[in-house]
Amino acid sequence: MKVPTAGRCLLIAEDDRAVRQSLERTLRLEGFDVTAVRTGAEAVDSCTAKLPDLVILDVMMPDMDGLTACRTLRPQ
């Protein structure tokens, strides 16, 4: 049986390597297409290249924090 892929593309932005890898592994096992990055700036760049269905942002990250990344990504 083929699992639907619509709405299953996720972006995780998390600077803690262990947390990022754990989330990525768990979500992939659940069938999600996951892109994982380390900073808010990388999240913004990644969304420019390919818009995910859902973005999970850590609040405190180097370069650009999650709140600033959210404001940058959110359409006005």
PDB file of N, CA and C in Angstrom:
ATOM      1  N   MET A   1       0.843  -1.178   0.000  1.00  0.00           N
ATOM      2  CA  MET A   1       0.000   0.000   0.000  1.00  0.00           C
ATOM      3  C   MET A   1       0.888   1.240   0.000  1.00  0.00           C
ATOM      4  N   LYS A   2       0.618   2.161  -0.901  1.00  0.00           N
ATOM      5  CA  LYS A   2       1.405   3.386  -0.996  1.00  0.00           C
ATOM      6  C   LYS A   2       0.856   4.430  -0.020  1.00  0.00           C
ATOM      7  N   VAL A   3       1.763   5.014   0.781  1.00  0.00           N
ATOM      8  CA  VAL A   3       1.384   6.041   1.751  1.00  0.00           C
ATOM      9  C   VAL A   3       1.344   7.378   1.044  1.00  0.00           C
ATOM     10  N   PRO A   4       0.268   8.178   1.211  1.00  0.00           N
ATOM     11  CA  PRO A   4       0.215   9.488   0.563  1.00  0.00           C
ATOM     12  C   PRO A   4       1.357  10.383   1.045  1.00  0.00           C
ATOM     13  N   THR A   5       1.944  11.143   0.122  1.00  0.00           N
ATOM     14  CA  THR A   5       3.073  12.002   0.479  1.00  0.00           C
ATOM     15  C   THR A   5       2.663  13.460   0.645  1.00  0.00           C
ATOM     16  N   ALA A   6       1.478  13.837   0.202  1.00  0.00           N
ATOM     17  CA  ALA A   6       1.034  15.226   0.337  1.00  0.00           C
ATOM     18  C   ALA A   6       0.950  15.602   1.812  1.00  0.00           C
ATOM     19  N   GLY A   7       1.498  16.755   2.163  1.00  0.00           N
ATOM     20  CA  GLY A   7       1.455  17.215   3.539  1.00  0.00           C
ATOM     21  C   GLY A   7       2.443  16.520   4.450  1.00  0.00           C
ATOM     22  N   ARG A   8       3.450  15.856   3.876  1.00  0.00           N
ATOM     23  CA  ARG A   8       4.367  15.072   4.696  1.00  0.00           C
ATOM     24  C   ARG A   8       5.809  15.545   4.601  1.00  0.00           C
ATOM     25  N   CYS A   9       6.022  16.737   4.051  1.00  0.00           N
ATOM     26  CA  CYS A   9       7.369  17.285   3.911  1.00  0.00           C
ATOM     27  C   CYS A   9       7.637  18.253   5.073  1.00  0.00           C
ATOM     28  N   LEU A  10       8.629  17.926   5.900  1.00  0.00           N
ATOM     29  CA  LEU A  10       8.918  18.706   7.097  1.00  0.00           C
ATOM     30  C   LEU A  10      10.322  19.283   7.076  1.00  0.00           C
ATOM     31  N   LEU A  11      10.470  20.431   7.714  1.00  0.00           N
ATOM     32  CA  LEU A  11      11.777  21.028   7.936  1.00  0.00           C
ATOM     33  C   LEU A  11      11.963  21.181   9.438  1.00  0.00           C
ATOM     34  N   ILE A  12      13.073  20.684   9.945  1.00  0.00           N
ATOM     35  CA  ILE A  12      13.425  20.829  11.356  1.00  0.00           C
ATOM     36  C   ILE A  12      14.646  21.733  11.444  1.00  0.00           C
ATOM     37  N   ALA A  13      14.558  22.776  12.266  1.00  0.00           N
ATOM     38  CA  ALA A  13      15.710  23.639  12.539  1.00  0.00           C
ATOM     39  C   ALA A  13      16.016  23.524  14.032  1.00  0.00           C
ATOM     40  N   GLU A  14      17.128  22.896  14.339  1.00  0.00           N
ATOM     41  CA  GLU A  14      17.509  22.615  15.732  1.00  0.00           C
ATOM     42  C   GLU A  14      19.028  22.578  15.816  1.00  0.00           C
ATOM     43  N   ASP A  15      19.608  23.389  16.714  1.00  0.00           N
ATOM     44  CA  ASP A  15      21.072  23.449  16.803  1.00  0.00           C
ATOM     45  C   ASP A  15      21.676  22.308  17.617  1.00  0.00           C
ATOM     46  N   ASP A  16      20.908  21.683  18.476  1.00  0.00           N
ATOM     47  CA  ASP A  16      21.405  20.561  19.267  1.00  0.00           C
ATOM     48  C   ASP A  16      21.401  19.305  18.396  1.00  0.00           C
ATOM     49  N   ARG A  17      22.575  18.803  18.096  1.00  0.00           N
ATOM     50  CA  ARG A  17      22.728  17.681  17.163  1.00  0.00           C
ATOM     51  C   ARG A  17      21.930  16.450  17.580  1.00  0.00           C
ATOM     52  N   ALA A  18      21.986  16.087  18.843  1.00  0.00           N
ATOM     53  CA  ALA A  18      21.287  14.890  19.317  1.00  0.00           C
ATOM     54  C   ALA A  18      19.774  15.026  19.158  1.00  0.00           C
ATOM     55  N   VAL A  19      19.248  16.183  19.510  1.00  0.00           N
ATOM     56  CA  VAL A  19      17.800  16.419  19.387  1.00  0.00           C
ATOM     57  C   VAL A  19      17.396  16.407  17.911  1.00  0.00           C
ATOM     58  N   ARG A  20      18.185  17.103  17.073  1.00  0.00           N
ATOM     59  CA  ARG A  20      17.898  17.173  15.642  1.00  0.00           C
ATOM     60  C   ARG A  20      17.878  15.776  15.018  1.00  0.00           C
ATOM     61  N   GLN A  21      18.894  14.971  15.320  1.00  0.00           N
ATOM     62  CA  GLN A  21      18.969  13.625  14.746  1.00  0.00           C
ATOM     63  C   GLN A  21      17.852  12.726  15.261  1.00  0.00           C
ATOM     64  N   SER A  22      17.507  12.865  16.518  1.00  0.00           N
ATOM     65  CA  SER A  22      16.435  12.059  17.088  1.00  0.00           C
ATOM     66  C   SER A  22      15.085  12.387  16.436  1.00  0.00           C
ATOM     67  N   LEU A  23      14.800  13.678  16.301  1.00  0.00           N
ATOM     68  CA  LEU A  23      13.559  14.092  15.638  1.00  0.00           C
ATOM     69  C   LEU A  23      13.526  13.622  14.190  1.00  0.00           C
ATOM     70  N   GLU A  24      14.633  13.812  13.502  1.00  0.00           N
ATOM     71  CA  GLU A  24      14.704  13.425  12.096  1.00  0.00           C
ATOM     72  C   GLU A  24      14.469  11.923  11.933  1.00  0.00           C
ATOM     73  N   ARG A  25      15.141  11.132  12.726  1.00  0.00           N
ATOM     74  CA  ARG A  25      15.013   9.668  12.644  1.00  0.00           C
ATOM     75  C   ARG A  25      13.581   9.224  12.953  1.00  0.00           C
ATOM     76  N   THR A  26      13.010   9.753  14.006  1.00  0.00           N
ATOM     77  CA  THR A  26      11.654   9.368  14.409  1.00  0.00           C
ATOM     78  C   THR A  26      10.633   9.743  13.344  1.00  0.00           C
ATOM     79  N   LEU A  27      10.741  10.958  12.812  1.00  0.00           N
ATOM     80  CA  LEU A  27       9.775  11.403  11.809  1.00  0.00           C
ATOM     81  C   LEU A  27       9.942  10.652  10.491  1.00  0.00           C
ATOM     82  N   ARG A  28      11.175  10.317  10.126  1.00  0.00           N
ATOM     83  CA  ARG A  28      11.386   9.508   8.915  1.00  0.00           C
ATOM     84  C   ARG A  28      10.755   8.122   9.070  1.00  0.00           C
ATOM     85  N   LEU A  29      10.893   7.538  10.259  1.00  0.00           N
ATOM     86  CA  LEU A  29      10.280   6.229  10.515  1.00  0.00           C
ATOM     87  C   LEU A  29       8.756   6.285  10.405  1.00  0.00           C
ATOM     88  N   GLU A  30       8.197   7.450  10.664  1.00  0.00           N
ATOM     89  CA  GLU A  30       6.746   7.634  10.553  1.00  0.00           C
ATOM     90  C   GLU A  30       6.315   7.981   9.123  1.00  0.00           C
ATOM     91  N   GLY A  31       7.292   8.034   8.208  1.00  0.00           N
ATOM     92  CA  GLY A  31       6.964   8.232   6.797  1.00  0.00           C
ATOM     93  C   GLY A  31       7.074   9.658   6.286  1.00  0.00           C
ATOM     94  N   PHE A  32       7.619  10.552   7.098  1.00  0.00           N
ATOM     95  CA  PHE A  32       7.758  11.939   6.665  1.00  0.00           C
ATOM     96  C   PHE A  32       9.040  12.134   5.860  1.00  0.00           C
ATOM     97  N   ASP A  33       8.991  13.061   4.921  1.00  0.00           N
ATOM     98  CA  ASP A  33      10.173  13.494   4.174  1.00  0.00           C
ATOM     99  C   ASP A  33      10.769  14.649   4.971  1.00  0.00           C
ATOM    100  N   VAL A  34      11.911  14.438   5.604  1.00  0.00           N
ATOM    101  CA  VAL A  34      12.470  15.399   6.562  1.00  0.00           C
ATOM    102  C   VAL A  34      13.749  16.033   6.037  1.00  0.00           C
ATOM    103  N   THR A  35      13.823  17.351   6.172  1.00  0.00           N
ATOM    104  CA  THR A  35      15.052  18.099   5.965  1.00  0.00           C
ATOM    105  C   THR A  35      15.411  18.678   7.326  1.00  0.00           C
ATOM    106  N   ALA A  36      16.647  18.493   7.760  1.00  0.00           N
ATOM    107  CA  ALA A  36      17.075  18.993   9.071  1.00  0.00           C
ATOM    108  C   ALA A  36      18.242  19.952   8.887  1.00  0.00           C
ATOM    109  N   VAL A  37      18.144  21.109   9.540  1.00  0.00           N
ATOM    110  CA  VAL A  37      19.193  22.125   9.480  1.00  0.00           C
ATOM    111  C   VAL A  37      19.546  22.569  10.891  1.00  0.00           C
ATOM    112  N   ARG A  38      20.660  23.314  11.013  1.00  0.00           N
ATOM    113  CA  ARG A  38      21.193  23.688  12.322  1.00  0.00           C
ATOM    114  C   ARG A  38      20.815  25.090  12.780  1.00  0.00           C
ATOM    115  N   THR A  39      20.525  25.999  11.868  1.00  0.00           N
ATOM    116  CA  THR A  39      20.265  27.391  12.256  1.00  0.00           C
ATOM    117  C   THR A  39      18.999  27.930  11.599  1.00  0.00           C
ATOM    118  N   GLY A  40      18.537  29.054  12.125  1.00  0.00           N
ATOM    119  CA  GLY A  40      17.390  29.725  11.521  1.00  0.00           C
ATOM    120  C   GLY A  40      17.691  30.219  10.120  1.00  0.00           C
ATOM    121  N   ALA A  41      18.904  30.706   9.911  1.00  0.00           N
ATOM    122  CA  ALA A  41      19.305  31.176   8.584  1.00  0.00           C
ATOM    123  C   ALA A  41      19.280  30.020   7.577  1.00  0.00           C
ATOM    124  N   GLU A  42      19.741  28.851   7.991  1.00  0.00           N
ATOM    125  CA  GLU A  42      19.692  27.674   7.120  1.00  0.00           C
ATOM    126  C   GLU A  42      18.239  27.276   6.838  1.00  0.00           C
ATOM    127  N   ALA A  43      17.371  27.449   7.807  1.00  0.00           N
ATOM    128  CA  ALA A  43      15.950  27.135   7.613  1.00  0.00           C
ATOM    129  C   ALA A  43      15.346  28.051   6.553  1.00  0.00           C
ATOM    130  N   VAL A  44      15.651  29.338   6.633  1.00  0.00           N
ATOM    131  CA  VAL A  44      15.131  30.294   5.659  1.00  0.00           C
ATOM    132  C   VAL A  44      15.661  29.945   4.260  1.00  0.00           C
ATOM    133  N   ASP A  45      16.950  29.658   4.161  1.00  0.00           N
ATOM    134  CA  ASP A  45      17.543  29.270   2.872  1.00  0.00           C
ATOM    135  C   ASP A  45      16.895  28.007   2.323  1.00  0.00           C
ATOM    136  N   SER A  46      16.672  27.032   3.191  1.00  0.00           N
ATOM    137  CA  SER A  46      16.074  25.772   2.768  1.00  0.00           C
ATOM    138  C   SER A  46      14.645  25.982   2.258  1.00  0.00           C
ATOM    139  N   CYS A  47      13.896  26.849   2.923  1.00  0.00           N
ATOM    140  CA  CYS A  47      12.513  27.122   2.505  1.00  0.00           C
ATOM    141  C   CYS A  47      12.477  27.870   1.180  1.00  0.00           C
ATOM    142  N   THR A  48      13.513  28.636   0.904  1.00  0.00           N
ATOM    143  CA  THR A  48      13.596  29.328  -0.377  1.00  0.00           C
ATOM    144  C   THR A  48      13.775  28.320  -1.501  1.00  0.00           C
ATOM    145  N   ALA A  49      14.567  27.274  -1.243  1.00  0.00           N
ATOM    146  CA  ALA A  49      14.827  26.244  -2.243  1.00  0.00           C
ATOM    147  C   ALA A  49      13.620  25.309  -2.422  1.00  0.00           C
ATOM    148  N   LYS A  50      12.997  24.917  -1.314  1.00  0.00           N
ATOM    149  CA  LYS A  50      11.861  23.987  -1.358  1.00  0.00           C
ATOM    150  C   LYS A  50      10.973  24.261  -0.162  1.00  0.00           C
ATOM    151  N   LEU A  51       9.754  24.678  -0.408  1.00  0.00           N
ATOM    152  CA  LEU A  51       8.829  25.024   0.663  1.00  0.00           C
ATOM    153  C   LEU A  51       8.237  23.759   1.285  1.00  0.00           C
ATOM    154  N   PRO A  52       8.501  23.521   2.586  1.00  0.00           N
ATOM    155  CA  PRO A  52       7.939  22.333   3.250  1.00  0.00           C
ATOM    156  C   PRO A  52       6.486  22.574   3.652  1.00  0.00           C
ATOM    157  N   ASP A  53       5.826  21.505   4.041  1.00  0.00           N
ATOM    158  CA  ASP A  53       4.449  21.607   4.526  1.00  0.00           C
ATOM    159  C   ASP A  53       4.409  22.094   5.973  1.00  0.00           C
ATOM    160  N   LEU A  54       5.461  21.797   6.721  1.00  0.00           N
ATOM    161  CA  LEU A  54       5.535  22.173   8.127  1.00  0.00           C
ATOM    162  C   LEU A  54       6.979  22.484   8.497  1.00  0.00           C
ATOM    163  N   VAL A  55       7.161  23.537   9.296  1.00  0.00           N
ATOM    164  CA  VAL A  55       8.493  23.905   9.776  1.00  0.00           C
ATOM    165  C   VAL A  55       8.479  23.829  11.302  1.00  0.00           C
ATOM    166  N   ILE A  56       9.447  23.107  11.864  1.00  0.00           N
ATOM    167  CA  ILE A  56       9.614  23.012  13.316  1.00  0.00           C
ATOM    168  C   ILE A  56      10.889  23.765  13.657  1.00  0.00           C
ATOM    169  N   LEU A  57      10.745  24.851  14.437  1.00  0.00           N
ATOM    170  CA  LEU A  57      11.870  25.723  14.743  1.00  0.00           C
ATOM    171  C   LEU A  57      12.193  25.718  16.228  1.00  0.00           C
ATOM    172  N   ASP A  58      13.464  25.540  16.541  1.00  0.00           N
ATOM    173  CA  ASP A  58      13.964  25.761  17.892  1.00  0.00           C
ATOM    174  C   ASP A  58      13.966  27.275  18.098  1.00  0.00           C
ATOM    175  N   VAL A  59      13.690  27.734  19.294  1.00  0.00           N
ATOM    176  CA  VAL A  59      13.653  29.177  19.549  1.00  0.00           C
ATOM    177  C   VAL A  59      15.061  29.762  19.653  1.00  0.00           C
ATOM    178  N   MET A  60      15.952  29.090  20.356  1.00  0.00           N
ATOM    179  CA  MET A  60      17.299  29.627  20.576  1.00  0.00           C
ATOM    180  C   MET A  60      18.321  28.882  19.727  1.00  0.00           C
ATOM    181  N   MET A  61      18.745  29.540  18.621  1.00  0.00           N
ATOM    182  CA  MET A  61      19.735  28.957  17.714  1.00  0.00           C
ATOM    183  C   MET A  61      20.748  30.027  17.336  1.00  0.00           C
ATOM    184  N   PRO A  62      21.938  29.597  16.900  1.00  0.00           N
ATOM    185  CA  PRO A  62      22.931  30.568  16.430  1.00  0.00           C
ATOM    186  C   PRO A  62      22.501  31.183  15.090  1.00  0.00           C
ATOM    187  N   ASP A  63      23.150  32.258  14.704  1.00  0.00           N
ATOM    188  CA  ASP A  63      22.861  32.993  13.458  1.00  0.00           C
ATOM    189  C   ASP A  63      21.538  33.734  13.544  1.00  0.00           C
ATOM    190  N   MET A  64      20.454  32.994  13.479  1.00  0.00           N
ATOM    191  CA  MET A  64      19.110  33.563  13.504  1.00  0.00           C
ATOM    192  C   MET A  64      18.252  32.668  14.391  1.00  0.00           C
ATOM    193  N   ASP A  65      17.622  33.267  15.406  1.00  0.00           N
ATOM    194  CA  ASP A  65      16.792  32.452  16.294  1.00  0.00           C
ATOM    195  C   ASP A  65      15.501  32.033  15.580  1.00  0.00           C
ATOM    196  N   GLY A  66      14.799  31.102  16.174  1.00  0.00           N
ATOM    197  CA  GLY A  66      13.594  30.564  15.569  1.00  0.00           C
ATOM    198  C   GLY A  66      12.482  31.576  15.386  1.00  0.00           C
ATOM    199  N   LEU A  67      12.349  32.522  16.311  1.00  0.00           N
ATOM    200  CA  LEU A  67      11.296  33.536  16.183  1.00  0.00           C
ATOM    201  C   LEU A  67      11.561  34.458  14.999  1.00  0.00           C
ATOM    202  N   THR A  68      12.818  34.848  14.819  1.00  0.00           N
ATOM    203  CA  THR A  68      13.176  35.697  13.683  1.00  0.00           C
ATOM    204  C   THR A  68      12.986  34.924  12.380  1.00  0.00           C
ATOM    205  N   ALA A  69      13.382  33.664  12.367  1.00  0.00           N
ATOM    206  CA  ALA A  69      13.185  32.831  11.167  1.00  0.00           C
ATOM    207  C   ALA A  69      11.696  32.718  10.840  1.00  0.00           C
ATOM    208  N   CYS A  70      10.880  32.537  11.856  1.00  0.00           N
ATOM    209  CA  CYS A  70       9.434  32.433  11.653  1.00  0.00           C
ATOM    210  C   CYS A  70       8.888  33.721  11.055  1.00  0.00           C
ATOM    211  N   ARG A  71       9.301  34.861  11.595  1.00  0.00           N
ATOM    212  CA  ARG A  71       8.860  36.153  11.062  1.00  0.00           C
ATOM    213  C   ARG A  71       9.310  36.341   9.621  1.00  0.00           C
ATOM    214  N   THR A  72      10.493  35.864   9.300  1.00  0.00           N
ATOM    215  CA  THR A  72      11.016  35.982   7.946  1.00  0.00           C
ATOM    216  C   THR A  72      10.244  35.090   6.968  1.00  0.00           C
ATOM    217  N   LEU A  73       9.885  33.900   7.418  1.00  0.00           N
ATOM    218  CA  LEU A  73       9.191  32.941   6.550  1.00  0.00           C
ATOM    219  C   LEU A  73       7.698  33.217   6.410  1.00  0.00           C
ATOM    220  N   ARG A  74       7.127  33.814   7.423  1.00  0.00           N
ATOM    221  CA  ARG A  74       5.678  34.015   7.442  1.00  0.00           C
ATOM    222  C   ARG A  74       5.272  35.089   6.443  1.00  0.00           C
ATOM    223  N   PRO A  75       4.349  34.759   5.539  1.00  0.00           N
ATOM    224  CA  PRO A  75       3.894  35.771   4.577  1.00  0.00           C
ATOM    225  C   PRO A  75       3.073  36.860   5.289  1.00  0.00           C
ATOM    226  N   GLN A  76       3.254  38.059   4.861  1.00  0.00           N
ATOM    227  CA  GLN A  76       2.541  39.190   5.482  1.00  0.00           C
ATOM    228  C   GLN A  76       1.187  39.409   4.858  1.00  0.00           C
TER     229      GLN A  76
END
